[in-house]
Amino acid sequence: MSDAGFAERVRDAIDRRELSLVFQPQADVVTNRLTGFEALSRWRLSDGTMLPPDVFVPMAEQGEAIHLLGEWTLRTACAAAVGWLQAGYPDIPVSVNLSARQLDDPGLVLKLLGILSETGLPAANLKLELTETSMFSQSAEAREALLQLRGAGIRLVLDDFGTGWSSLSTLRRVPVEALKIDKQFVQAMVEDRDAAAIVQAVVALAHALNLGVVAEGVETPEQRLYLQAYRCDMLQGYWLSRPLTADGLSDFLAERSVIGTLLTMSTGSAAGPQTAG
């Protein structure tokens, strides 16, 4: 399918409500306090078939379709986060992935600020996650756009750290607030000393630069204990919860509001939702 043809197919999917978002929780490694949700796109065809995101997202990134998909994702995620605010959860930001092609869009800053204005979401409640490759391979104009977004209050996170074009000199100049450790290192660290050393080193590097650290792909209590020992800040993965639909998210928030106080009082406890991953 041509780039134009796929862009039209994405536009049809939006009109037909084939696209939806699920939300994967993030939490404090020590207290298990909820710290946010990452929004993830899902595509269910009219016949019920699910298109995997690792298929349709790369296809979209080859052309203009990524701008349609990205704008829909941002607007839908921001609207969802406004609902959390209205439900009494003021400190739960939403994270949205931003691709390299979106970052090249000269209208990105105005588009994002417009979405925040339309939905009523405070800028501080939106996090944009960018990969190392997209962050470090951009033009001066794209880097200026990141500075403008950060200046407007939108928060930036460097995703999949350790798998792309790592550049410590560039890392000093980009306005990110946190690094996200790729799941391949997190899931291997209990059995692999090299992976464990990488995780520990990334945490130490981030903290030396006054950055937070998020570990993704956490699936076992042992992995969580390692992260706690390494003083990692936040975790995300099946150990905490699988990605949640809107209904599942409401139930999850209701459960957390009941147990949150107990979890905070039990600092260092391994208590938490034991969702299989």
Protein backbone atom coordinates (compact mmCIF):
# COMPACT_ATOMS: atom_id res chain seq x y z
CA MET A 1 0.00 0.00 0.00
CA SER A 2 1.31 3.47 -0.91
CA ASP A 3 2.03 6.13 1.71
CA ALA A 4 -1.01 8.12 0.55
CA GLY A 5 -3.16 4.99 0.59
CA PHE A 6 -2.13 4.07 4.13
CA ALA A 7 -2.69 7.62 5.33
CA GLU A 8 -6.24 7.42 3.96
CA ARG A 9 -6.69 4.06 5.69
CA VAL A 10 -5.63 5.59 9.02
CA ARG A 11 -8.06 8.46 8.47
CA ASP A 12 -10.85 5.93 7.84
CA ALA A 13 -9.84 4.00 10.98
CA ILE A 14 -10.20 7.16 13.04
CA ASP A 15 -13.61 7.93 11.53
CA ARG A 16 -14.81 4.35 12.11
CA ARG A 17 -13.48 4.29 15.70
CA GLU A 18 -11.25 1.32 14.94
CA LEU A 19 -8.42 2.98 16.86
CA SER A 20 -8.33 3.05 20.64
CA LEU A 21 -5.86 3.64 23.44
CA VAL A 22 -4.81 1.42 26.31
CA PHE A 23 -2.86 2.75 29.27
CA GLN A 24 0.04 1.05 31.05
CA PRO A 25 0.61 2.24 34.64
CA GLN A 26 3.92 3.46 36.02
CA ALA A 27 4.70 3.44 39.73
CA ASP A 28 7.33 4.37 42.29
CA VAL A 29 9.75 1.47 42.75
CA VAL A 30 9.81 1.73 46.56
CA THR A 31 6.30 2.82 47.58
CA ASN A 32 4.36 1.46 44.59
CA ARG A 33 2.64 4.87 44.37
CA LEU A 34 1.09 5.45 40.95
CA THR A 35 3.12 8.03 38.99
CA GLY A 36 1.46 8.02 35.56
CA PHE A 37 0.24 6.09 32.55
CA GLU A 38 1.76 5.50 29.13
CA ALA A 39 -0.77 5.70 26.29
CA LEU A 40 -0.45 2.93 23.69
CA SER A 41 -2.35 2.75 20.38
CA ARG A 42 -4.45 -0.27 19.41
CA TRP A 43 -6.17 -0.96 16.08
CA ARG A 44 -9.10 -3.37 15.85
CA LEU A 45 -10.50 -3.90 12.33
CA SER A 46 -14.25 -4.05 11.72
CA ASP A 47 -14.07 -7.88 11.57
CA GLY A 48 -12.46 -7.98 15.04
CA THR A 49 -8.89 -8.59 13.86
CA MET A 50 -6.26 -6.78 15.94
CA LEU A 51 -3.41 -5.17 14.00
CA PRO A 52 -0.23 -5.33 16.12
CA PRO A 53 1.24 -1.88 16.87
CA ASP A 54 4.69 -3.13 15.84
CA VAL A 55 3.16 -3.54 12.36
CA PHE A 56 0.97 -0.47 11.86
CA VAL A 57 3.16 2.09 13.66
CA PRO A 58 6.28 1.45 11.49
CA MET A 59 4.05 1.51 8.41
CA ALA A 60 2.66 4.87 9.50
CA GLU A 61 6.16 6.22 10.13
CA GLN A 62 7.07 5.69 6.50
CA GLY A 63 4.84 8.53 5.39
CA GLU A 64 2.26 11.13 6.32
CA ALA A 65 0.08 8.63 8.20
CA ILE A 66 2.23 9.07 11.32
CA HIS A 67 1.05 12.68 11.63
CA LEU A 68 -2.61 11.58 11.54
CA LEU A 69 -2.00 8.74 13.99
CA GLY A 70 0.19 10.89 16.24
CA GLU A 71 -2.26 13.78 16.43
CA TRP A 72 -5.17 11.42 17.17
CA THR A 73 -3.13 9.69 19.90
CA LEU A 74 -2.10 12.96 21.52
CA ARG A 75 -5.61 14.41 21.49
CA THR A 76 -7.21 11.20 22.80
CA ALA A 77 -4.58 10.73 25.52
CA CYS A 78 -4.87 14.34 26.69
CA ALA A 79 -8.67 14.06 26.83
CA ALA A 80 -8.32 10.90 28.94
CA ALA A 81 -5.91 12.64 31.32
CA VAL A 82 -8.38 15.50 31.76
CA GLY A 83 -10.88 12.87 32.89
CA TRP A 84 -8.43 11.69 35.56
CA LEU A 85 -8.08 15.26 36.79
CA GLN A 86 -11.85 15.66 36.97
CA ALA A 87 -12.07 12.39 38.90
CA GLY A 88 -9.72 13.77 41.55
CA TYR A 89 -6.32 12.43 40.43
CA PRO A 90 -4.26 15.62 39.87
CA ASP A 91 -0.78 14.06 39.89
CA ILE A 92 -1.14 11.39 37.20
CA PRO A 93 0.46 12.54 33.91
CA VAL A 94 -0.01 10.73 30.60
CA SER A 95 2.99 9.74 28.47
CA VAL A 96 2.75 9.65 24.68
CA ASN A 97 5.40 8.39 22.27
CA LEU A 98 6.63 10.93 19.73
CA SER A 99 8.31 9.66 16.56
CA ALA A 100 11.23 11.20 14.69
CA ARG A 101 8.95 12.15 11.78
CA GLN A 102 6.59 13.98 14.11
CA LEU A 103 9.53 15.86 15.56
CA ASP A 104 10.41 17.05 12.05
CA ASP A 105 6.97 18.65 11.64
CA PRO A 106 7.49 22.44 11.72
CA GLY A 107 3.96 22.86 13.08
CA LEU A 108 4.44 20.41 15.96
CA VAL A 109 4.71 22.99 18.75
CA LEU A 110 1.58 24.90 17.75
CA LYS A 111 -0.29 21.63 17.20
CA LEU A 112 0.60 20.33 20.66
CA LEU A 113 -0.19 23.59 22.42
CA GLY A 114 -3.48 23.68 20.53
CA ILE A 115 -4.40 20.19 21.74
CA LEU A 116 -3.62 21.18 25.34
CA SER A 117 -5.80 24.27 24.95
CA GLU A 118 -8.67 22.34 23.36
CA THR A 119 -8.68 19.57 25.97
CA GLY A 120 -7.87 21.76 28.97
CA LEU A 121 -4.96 19.57 30.10
CA PRO A 122 -2.19 21.40 32.02
CA ALA A 123 1.10 21.12 30.15
CA ALA A 124 2.80 19.49 33.16
CA ASN A 125 0.38 16.56 32.90
CA LEU A 126 1.72 15.58 29.46
CA LYS A 127 4.97 13.68 28.95
CA LEU A 128 6.45 13.05 25.51
CA GLU A 129 8.65 9.99 25.13
CA LEU A 130 11.33 10.12 22.42
CA THR A 131 13.85 7.45 21.45
CA GLU A 132 17.57 8.12 21.47
CA THR A 133 17.70 7.87 17.69
CA SER A 134 14.94 10.44 17.19
CA MET A 135 16.39 12.72 19.85
CA PHE A 136 20.00 12.72 18.70
CA SER A 137 19.55 12.68 14.92
CA GLN A 138 17.38 15.77 14.66
CA SER A 139 18.02 19.13 13.06
CA ALA A 140 18.63 22.34 14.96
CA GLU A 141 15.01 23.28 14.25
CA ALA A 142 13.73 20.07 15.85
CA ARG A 143 15.91 20.59 18.91
CA GLU A 144 14.58 24.13 19.17
CA ALA A 145 11.05 22.69 19.07
CA LEU A 146 11.93 20.46 22.03
CA LEU A 147 13.18 23.47 23.95
CA GLN A 148 9.94 25.34 23.18
CA LEU A 149 7.84 22.37 24.33
CA ARG A 150 9.83 22.09 27.54
CA GLY A 151 9.58 25.82 28.04
CA ALA A 152 5.80 25.55 27.73
CA GLY A 153 5.78 23.05 30.61
CA ILE A 154 5.49 19.78 28.64
CA ARG A 155 7.77 17.11 30.09
CA LEU A 156 10.24 15.05 28.01
CA VAL A 157 11.49 11.51 28.60
CA LEU A 158 14.27 9.71 26.72
CA ASP A 159 12.89 6.26 25.83
CA ASP A 160 14.75 2.95 25.28
CA PHE A 161 17.98 4.36 26.69
CA GLY A 162 21.02 2.24 25.82
CA THR A 163 19.71 0.88 22.50
CA GLY A 164 20.23 3.85 20.18
CA TRP A 165 22.73 6.58 19.44
CA SER A 166 23.89 7.36 22.93
CA SER A 167 25.71 10.66 23.13
CA LEU A 168 26.55 12.04 26.53
CA SER A 169 27.46 15.44 25.09
CA THR A 170 24.03 15.70 23.46
CA LEU A 171 22.31 14.37 26.57
CA ARG A 172 23.64 17.39 28.47
CA ARG A 173 21.85 19.72 26.04
CA VAL A 174 18.43 18.12 25.62
CA PRO A 175 15.76 19.14 28.14
CA VAL A 176 14.65 15.68 29.31
CA GLU A 177 13.59 14.98 32.89
CA ALA A 178 14.07 11.21 32.87
CA LEU A 179 15.67 8.25 31.11
CA LYS A 180 13.75 5.07 30.39
CA ILE A 181 15.80 1.86 30.54
CA ASP A 182 14.95 -0.54 27.73
CA LYS A 183 13.24 -3.75 28.78
CA GLN A 184 15.93 -5.99 27.27
CA PHE A 185 18.31 -4.92 30.05
CA VAL A 186 15.68 -4.96 32.80
CA GLN A 187 14.44 -8.44 31.96
CA ALA A 188 17.96 -9.89 31.70
CA MET A 189 19.56 -8.28 34.76
CA VAL A 190 18.65 -10.97 37.33
CA GLU A 191 20.51 -13.67 35.36
CA ASP A 192 23.02 -11.58 33.40
CA ARG A 193 25.71 -9.67 35.30
CA ASP A 194 26.47 -7.45 32.29
CA ALA A 195 22.82 -6.42 31.96
CA ALA A 196 22.69 -5.74 35.70
CA ALA A 197 25.81 -3.58 35.44
CA ILE A 198 24.25 -1.60 32.59
CA VAL A 199 21.05 -0.96 34.57
CA GLN A 200 23.01 0.09 37.63
CA ALA A 201 25.26 2.37 35.54
CA VAL A 202 22.31 4.04 33.77
CA VAL A 203 20.63 4.78 37.10
CA ALA A 204 23.86 6.26 38.49
CA LEU A 205 24.41 8.34 35.33
CA ALA A 206 20.87 9.68 35.34
CA HIS A 207 20.98 10.63 38.99
CA ALA A 208 24.35 12.35 38.50
CA LEU A 209 22.63 14.48 35.84
CA ASN A 210 19.62 15.11 38.12
CA LEU A 211 17.38 12.98 35.93
CA GLY A 212 14.79 10.41 36.97
CA VAL A 213 14.88 6.79 35.80
CA VAL A 214 12.04 4.58 34.61
CA ALA A 215 12.56 0.83 34.09
CA GLU A 216 10.21 -0.71 31.54
CA GLY A 217 9.29 -4.35 31.04
CA VAL A 218 9.34 -5.28 34.74
CA GLU A 219 7.67 -8.68 35.05
CA THR A 220 8.86 -10.32 38.27
CA PRO A 221 9.26 -9.46 41.98
CA GLU A 222 13.00 -10.21 41.63
CA GLN A 223 13.39 -7.57 38.94
CA ARG A 224 11.62 -5.05 41.12
CA LEU A 225 13.92 -5.85 44.07
CA TYR A 226 17.00 -5.36 41.88
CA LEU A 227 15.66 -1.98 40.74
CA GLN A 228 15.02 -0.98 44.33
CA ALA A 229 18.59 -1.96 45.26
CA TYR A 230 19.91 0.11 42.34
CA ARG A 231 17.76 3.09 43.47
CA CYS A 232 15.76 3.21 40.26
CA ASP A 233 12.87 5.67 40.59
CA MET A 234 9.93 4.20 38.66
CA LEU A 235 8.88 0.97 37.02
CA GLN A 236 6.46 -0.10 34.33
CA GLY A 237 5.49 -3.59 33.18
CA TYR A 238 3.32 -6.64 33.70
CA TRP A 239 4.41 -7.01 37.34
CA LEU A 240 2.38 -3.89 38.01
CA SER A 241 -0.31 -4.29 35.36
CA ARG A 242 -0.93 -5.11 31.75
CA PRO A 243 -2.09 -2.18 29.59
CA LEU A 244 -5.60 -1.17 30.64
CA THR A 245 -8.65 -0.23 28.62
CA ALA A 246 -10.64 2.82 29.72
CA ASP A 247 -12.95 0.63 31.84
CA GLY A 248 -10.07 -1.32 33.30
CA LEU A 249 -8.25 1.90 34.11
CA SER A 250 -11.22 3.19 36.10
CA ASP A 251 -11.26 0.00 38.16
CA PHE A 252 -7.48 0.20 38.62
CA LEU A 253 -7.68 3.78 39.88
CA ALA A 254 -10.52 2.90 42.24
CA GLU A 255 -8.47 0.02 43.69
CA ARG A 256 -5.36 2.18 44.06
CA SER A 257 -7.29 4.89 45.90
CA VAL A 258 -8.26 2.29 48.50
CA ILE A 259 -4.83 0.69 48.98
CA GLY A 260 -2.59 3.69 48.19
CA THR A 261 -2.35 4.97 51.75
CA LEU A 262 -1.37 1.57 53.09
CA LEU A 263 1.25 1.14 50.38
CA THR A 264 2.76 4.54 51.11
CA MET A 265 2.94 3.73 54.81
CA SER A 266 4.63 0.41 54.02
CA THR A 267 7.68 1.91 52.29
CA GLY A 268 9.95 -0.81 51.03
CA SER A 269 7.27 -3.46 51.11
CA ALA A 270 6.90 -5.80 48.15
CA ALA A 271 3.14 -5.44 48.32
CA GLY A 272 1.34 -4.63 45.10
CA PRO A 273 -1.00 -5.95 42.46
CA GLN A 274 0.31 -9.37 41.46
CA THR A 275 -0.83 -9.29 37.85
CA ALA A 276 0.73 -12.09 35.84
CA GLY A 277 2.96 -10.96 33.04
